Amino acid sequence: MSAVRNIMMAIAMGAVAIPSTSAFAQDAAEPAPATAPPTSTTVTTQDVQDDANDPFEGPNRFFFEVNQVLDEILLRPVAVVYRSIVPDFARDGVRNFMNNLNSPVIFANDLFQGEGDRAGTTLIRFGVNSTIGIGGLIDVAKDIGHPYHDEDFGQTLAVWGVGEGPYFYFPLMGPSNARDFTGFVVDRGLDPLTYVNWGDDELEYVPIARTVLNVIDLRSRNIETLDDIERSSVDYYASIRSLYRQSRADSIRNGAPSDDLPDFDSGGGITAPSPISPNLSAQ
């Protein structure tokens, strides 16, 4: 068992070393658009804002490169194998299950933001999918008119008027900013599974398994998207920084991110159980 846990820990550590996503996956209809949005070499207002918001650019770029190496040698190959050997329906079940586990966090943030209707939708989804949907493996609620949406405490702080603060690129965890990282920490406190005692030797690796599955599934759904962004970018680091800010701004406005952009997890990249944005739930 210790060997299994060590392997899973290694995957979890390397897995989070990609330029991450609140999420990353588009519908299970999968592959992401063949062509990523071109990265312009013209200096725009957005570029200036990004630069001004990145006072720690030197260390951020260093950790970005470290994460890229780990992604290249570990996570991307694992994600490719995962997508090639696991059938679509099984991967959809994994994604639906991960979404359902995050329902308590989403519900709390719906309430914090004063979104009663959305909170009701989250509650209905959790009840329906946890029962009829066999523990969340099947997204029955979506089929009866209650589609998935994501919320996190970083978005809640933004709705309350808190500024994003400086941009960070954390080792292993990926892109974030002061506000979203604070939200990431609070969301872990809002997650009931944080307080489950997995003391049994056979169960203590369950939280690690949750992170590993979430990360590998999200990475597998964005292989082409990230490859295309990297190929078309003059400065990949700057592109990820800009895309992170755009994606988070869309999420805060409760708008579905562009189909051409990866979405990003709250706070610390793809390590958060919070998986996807409104447009990203499995079919």
Protein backbone atom coordinates (compact mmCIF):
# COMPACT_ATOMS: atom_id res chain seq x y z
CA MET A 1 0.00 0.00 0.00
CA SER A 2 2.83 2.40 0.82
CA ALA A 3 4.21 1.93 -2.70
CA VAL A 4 0.82 2.81 -4.20
CA ARG A 5 0.58 5.92 -2.04
CA ASN A 6 4.08 6.99 -3.04
CA ILE A 7 3.24 6.65 -6.73
CA MET A 8 0.01 8.61 -6.30
CA MET A 9 1.83 11.33 -4.38
CA ALA A 10 4.38 11.63 -7.18
CA ILE A 11 1.63 11.98 -9.78
CA ALA A 12 -0.22 14.52 -7.64
CA MET A 13 2.93 16.60 -7.23
CA GLY A 14 3.82 16.53 -10.89
CA ALA A 15 0.25 16.75 -12.03
CA VAL A 16 -0.27 20.19 -10.65
CA ALA A 17 2.74 21.45 -12.49
CA ILE A 18 0.93 22.58 -15.59
CA PRO A 19 -0.20 26.09 -16.35
CA SER A 20 -3.33 24.90 -14.79
CA THR A 21 -7.06 25.44 -14.96
CA SER A 22 -11.08 26.28 -12.14
CA ALA A 23 -10.69 24.42 -14.57
CA PHE A 24 -9.61 23.23 -17.65
CA ALA A 25 -11.88 20.76 -19.47
CA GLN A 26 -14.34 21.52 -22.16
CA ASP A 27 -17.34 19.21 -22.54
CA ALA A 28 -16.63 15.57 -22.72
CA ALA A 29 -17.15 16.00 -26.41
CA GLU A 30 -13.57 16.76 -25.92
CA PRO A 31 -10.91 17.72 -28.00
CA ALA A 32 -10.48 21.37 -27.52
CA PRO A 33 -10.64 23.61 -30.57
CA ALA A 34 -7.94 22.79 -33.06
CA THR A 35 -6.74 26.37 -33.21
CA ALA A 36 -5.98 28.42 -30.13
CA PRO A 37 -6.44 32.17 -30.19
CA PRO A 38 -3.34 33.75 -31.70
CA THR A 39 -1.03 35.57 -29.35
CA SER A 40 -0.49 39.08 -30.60
CA THR A 41 2.92 40.69 -30.46
CA THR A 42 1.30 44.12 -30.22
CA VAL A 43 1.42 45.74 -26.78
CA THR A 44 -2.18 46.17 -25.63
CA THR A 45 -3.81 47.75 -22.60
CA GLN A 46 -4.36 44.23 -21.24
CA ASP A 47 -0.64 43.47 -21.60
CA VAL A 48 0.26 46.62 -19.67
CA GLN A 49 -2.25 45.73 -16.93
CA ASP A 50 -0.85 42.19 -16.71
CA ASP A 51 2.71 43.47 -16.41
CA ALA A 52 1.73 45.95 -13.71
CA ASN A 53 -0.08 43.19 -11.84
CA ASP A 54 2.98 40.91 -11.81
CA PRO A 55 5.50 42.43 -9.38
CA PHE A 56 7.10 39.02 -8.75
CA GLU A 57 7.62 38.17 -12.41
CA GLY A 58 11.16 36.84 -11.93
CA PRO A 59 10.29 34.12 -9.39
CA ASN A 60 6.98 33.49 -11.16
CA ARG A 61 8.77 32.74 -14.44
CA PHE A 62 11.20 30.42 -12.67
CA PHE A 63 8.41 28.36 -11.10
CA PHE A 64 6.54 28.38 -14.40
CA GLU A 65 9.55 26.77 -16.11
CA VAL A 66 9.88 24.20 -13.33
CA ASN A 67 6.23 23.30 -13.66
CA GLN A 68 6.56 23.05 -17.44
CA VAL A 69 9.35 20.50 -17.09
CA LEU A 70 7.30 18.42 -14.66
CA ASP A 71 4.30 18.59 -16.97
CA GLU A 72 6.36 17.47 -19.94
CA ILE A 73 7.98 14.51 -18.23
CA LEU A 74 5.06 13.36 -16.06
CA LEU A 75 1.60 14.85 -16.31
CA ARG A 76 1.09 15.21 -20.05
CA PRO A 77 2.25 11.63 -20.81
CA VAL A 78 -0.04 10.28 -18.07
CA ALA A 79 -2.94 12.34 -19.42
CA VAL A 80 -2.36 11.05 -22.96
CA VAL A 81 -2.38 7.43 -21.75
CA TYR A 82 -5.46 8.07 -19.59
CA ARG A 83 -7.40 9.47 -22.54
CA SER A 84 -6.32 6.68 -24.85
CA ILE A 85 -7.26 3.76 -22.59
CA VAL A 86 -10.27 5.05 -20.62
CA PRO A 87 -13.52 5.15 -22.63
CA ASP A 88 -15.39 8.43 -23.05
CA PHE A 89 -18.30 7.36 -20.86
CA ALA A 90 -15.97 6.42 -18.01
CA ARG A 91 -14.11 9.74 -18.20
CA ASP A 92 -17.45 11.55 -18.24
CA GLY A 93 -18.40 9.65 -15.11
CA VAL A 94 -15.17 10.73 -13.39
CA ARG A 95 -15.82 14.36 -14.31
CA ASN A 96 -19.45 14.23 -13.16
CA PHE A 97 -18.39 12.60 -9.89
CA MET A 98 -15.78 15.30 -9.24
CA ASN A 99 -18.32 18.03 -9.98
CA ASN A 100 -20.79 16.49 -7.57
CA LEU A 101 -18.22 16.30 -4.76
CA ASN A 102 -17.71 20.03 -5.04
CA SER A 103 -21.42 20.86 -4.62
CA PRO A 104 -21.19 21.94 -0.95
CA VAL A 105 -18.51 24.51 -1.78
CA ILE A 106 -20.48 25.82 -4.76
CA PHE A 107 -23.69 25.97 -2.71
CA ALA A 108 -22.01 27.98 0.07
CA ASN A 109 -20.58 30.48 -2.40
CA ASP A 110 -23.91 30.81 -4.22
CA LEU A 111 -25.40 31.88 -0.89
CA PHE A 112 -22.50 34.20 -0.05
CA GLN A 113 -23.08 35.97 -3.35
CA GLY A 114 -26.81 36.30 -2.77
CA GLU A 115 -27.61 34.02 -5.72
CA GLY A 116 -30.64 32.21 -4.34
CA ASP A 117 -31.72 30.72 -7.66
CA ARG A 118 -28.28 29.35 -8.39
CA ALA A 119 -28.03 27.98 -4.85
CA GLY A 120 -31.33 26.19 -5.44
CA THR A 121 -29.99 24.73 -8.67
CA THR A 122 -26.87 23.48 -6.90
CA LEU A 123 -28.96 21.88 -4.15
CA ILE A 124 -31.24 20.17 -6.67
CA ARG A 125 -28.26 18.95 -8.68
CA PHE A 126 -26.60 17.47 -5.61
CA GLY A 127 -29.78 15.70 -4.50
CA VAL A 128 -30.69 14.33 -7.93
CA ASN A 129 -27.21 13.33 -9.04
CA SER A 130 -26.26 11.79 -5.69
CA THR A 131 -29.30 9.50 -5.83
CA ILE A 132 -30.66 8.91 -9.33
CA GLY A 133 -27.27 9.76 -10.77
CA ILE A 134 -25.56 6.99 -8.78
CA GLY A 135 -23.41 9.13 -6.53
CA GLY A 136 -22.87 11.76 -9.20
CA LEU A 137 -21.50 9.49 -11.92
CA ILE A 138 -24.37 10.48 -14.23
CA ASP A 139 -25.43 14.12 -14.64
CA VAL A 140 -29.17 13.49 -14.53
CA ALA A 141 -29.85 17.02 -13.25
CA LYS A 142 -28.48 18.57 -16.43
CA ASP A 143 -30.87 16.52 -18.52
CA ILE A 144 -33.86 17.85 -16.54
CA GLY A 145 -32.87 21.49 -16.88
CA HIS A 146 -30.36 22.14 -14.09
CA PRO A 147 -26.94 22.59 -15.73
CA TYR A 148 -23.71 22.69 -13.79
CA HIS A 149 -22.14 25.96 -12.71
CA ASP A 150 -19.05 26.61 -10.64
CA GLU A 151 -18.49 29.11 -7.83
CA ASP A 152 -15.59 29.60 -5.45
CA PHE A 153 -14.68 32.01 -2.69
CA GLY A 154 -12.28 33.89 -4.94
CA GLN A 155 -15.29 34.80 -7.08
CA THR A 156 -17.25 35.64 -3.95
CA LEU A 157 -14.55 38.08 -2.80
CA ALA A 158 -14.62 39.71 -6.24
CA VAL A 159 -18.41 40.10 -6.03
CA TRP A 160 -17.89 41.74 -2.63
CA GLY A 161 -15.56 44.25 -4.26
CA VAL A 162 -12.16 42.85 -3.27
CA GLY A 163 -9.41 43.55 -5.80
CA GLU A 164 -7.40 40.70 -7.27
CA GLY A 165 -4.04 41.78 -5.87
CA PRO A 166 -0.68 40.74 -7.33
CA TYR A 167 -0.33 37.81 -9.69
CA PHE A 168 1.51 34.71 -8.48
CA TYR A 169 2.66 31.55 -10.19
CA PHE A 170 3.08 29.02 -7.42
CA PRO A 171 5.39 26.02 -7.62
CA LEU A 172 3.27 22.93 -8.35
CA MET A 173 -0.02 24.81 -7.89
CA GLY A 174 0.07 27.10 -10.92
CA PRO A 175 -1.38 30.58 -11.60
CA SER A 176 -3.26 32.60 -9.01
CA ASN A 177 -3.44 35.99 -7.36
CA ALA A 178 -3.78 37.19 -3.77
CA ARG A 179 -7.58 37.21 -3.83
CA ASP A 180 -7.99 33.83 -5.53
CA PHE A 181 -5.43 32.12 -3.31
CA THR A 182 -7.29 33.41 -0.25
CA GLY A 183 -10.45 32.00 -1.81
CA PHE A 184 -8.72 28.68 -2.42
CA VAL A 185 -7.83 28.39 1.27
CA VAL A 186 -11.36 29.31 2.40
CA ASP A 187 -12.91 26.82 -0.03
CA ARG A 188 -10.86 24.04 1.53
CA GLY A 189 -12.40 25.04 4.84
CA LEU A 190 -15.89 24.96 3.30
CA ASP A 191 -15.41 21.47 1.87
CA PRO A 192 -16.91 18.85 4.24
CA LEU A 193 -14.42 16.24 3.01
CA THR A 194 -11.65 18.33 4.56
CA TYR A 195 -12.89 17.19 7.96
CA VAL A 196 -13.32 13.50 7.19
CA ASN A 197 -10.89 11.36 9.13
CA TRP A 198 -9.44 8.87 6.68
CA GLY A 199 -7.46 7.21 9.47
CA ASP A 200 -7.89 3.67 8.13
CA ASP A 201 -4.70 2.55 6.38
CA GLU A 202 -6.80 1.45 3.42
CA LEU A 203 -8.50 4.85 3.08
CA GLU A 204 -5.91 7.43 4.03
CA TYR A 205 -4.87 7.90 0.41
CA VAL A 206 -8.44 8.80 -0.70
CA PRO A 207 -7.86 12.59 -0.66
CA ILE A 208 -4.73 12.08 -2.76
CA ALA A 209 -6.65 9.88 -5.18
CA ARG A 210 -9.30 12.59 -5.53
CA THR A 211 -6.68 15.18 -6.46
CA VAL A 212 -4.87 12.83 -8.83
CA LEU A 213 -8.04 11.85 -10.71
CA ASN A 214 -9.22 15.44 -10.95
CA VAL A 215 -5.88 16.69 -12.25
CA ILE A 216 -5.32 13.92 -14.78
CA ASP A 217 -8.86 14.18 -16.15
CA LEU A 218 -8.67 17.95 -16.52
CA ARG A 219 -5.24 17.76 -18.17
CA SER A 220 -6.43 15.08 -20.59
CA ARG A 221 -9.27 17.31 -21.77
CA ASN A 222 -6.91 20.16 -22.61
CA ILE A 223 -3.99 18.50 -24.32
CA GLU A 224 -4.60 20.12 -27.71
CA THR A 225 -5.68 23.45 -26.24
CA LEU A 226 -2.49 23.94 -24.24
CA ASP A 227 -0.29 22.59 -27.04
CA ASP A 228 -1.82 25.07 -29.49
CA ILE A 229 -1.50 27.99 -27.08
CA GLU A 230 2.15 27.14 -26.47
CA ARG A 231 2.90 26.83 -30.19
CA SER A 232 1.19 30.13 -31.07
CA SER A 233 2.62 32.15 -28.18
CA VAL A 234 5.61 34.42 -28.48
CA ASP A 235 5.78 34.35 -24.67
CA TYR A 236 3.97 31.33 -23.23
CA TYR A 237 4.25 32.60 -19.65
CA ALA A 238 2.63 35.93 -20.58
CA SER A 239 -0.10 34.13 -22.53
CA ILE A 240 -1.01 31.93 -19.57
CA ARG A 241 -1.00 34.95 -17.27
CA SER A 242 -3.37 36.83 -19.58
CA LEU A 243 -5.63 33.81 -20.14
CA TYR A 244 -5.85 33.20 -16.40
CA ARG A 245 -7.06 36.76 -15.81
CA GLN A 246 -9.56 36.60 -18.69
CA SER A 247 -10.94 33.26 -17.57
CA ARG A 248 -11.34 34.37 -13.97
CA ALA A 249 -13.04 37.61 -15.06
CA ASP A 250 -15.56 35.57 -17.08
CA SER A 251 -16.22 33.28 -14.12
CA ILE A 252 -16.78 36.21 -11.77
CA ARG A 253 -19.36 37.61 -14.18
CA ASN A 254 -21.01 34.16 -14.27
CA GLY A 255 -20.33 34.00 -17.97
CA ALA A 256 -19.13 30.86 -19.68
CA PRO A 257 -15.46 31.19 -20.66
CA SER A 258 -14.66 31.29 -24.34
CA ASP A 259 -14.49 27.87 -25.97
CA ASP A 260 -10.94 28.74 -27.00
CA LEU A 261 -9.67 29.43 -23.49
CA PRO A 262 -8.82 27.04 -20.69
CA ASP A 263 -10.52 27.92 -17.44
CA PHE A 264 -8.54 28.08 -14.22
CA ASP A 265 -9.13 26.77 -10.72
CA SER A 266 -9.59 29.14 -7.85
CA GLY A 267 -6.51 30.03 -5.90
CA GLY A 268 -3.95 27.47 -6.82
CA GLY A 269 -4.50 26.13 -10.27
CA ILE A 270 -5.80 22.66 -10.87
CA THR A 271 -5.10 21.23 -7.45
CA ALA A 272 -8.39 22.54 -6.12
CA PRO A 273 -11.29 20.08 -6.08
CA SER A 274 -13.30 22.88 -7.69
CA PRO A 275 -13.19 21.61 -11.21
CA ILE A 276 -15.00 23.44 -13.92
CA SER A 277 -16.91 26.43 -15.11
CA PRO A 278 -20.49 26.55 -16.43
CA ASN A 279 -19.45 25.63 -19.95
CA LEU A 280 -17.26 22.75 -18.93
CA SER A 281 -19.50 20.06 -17.48
CA ALA A 282 -19.50 16.67 -19.12
CA GLN A 283 -22.22 15.94 -21.64
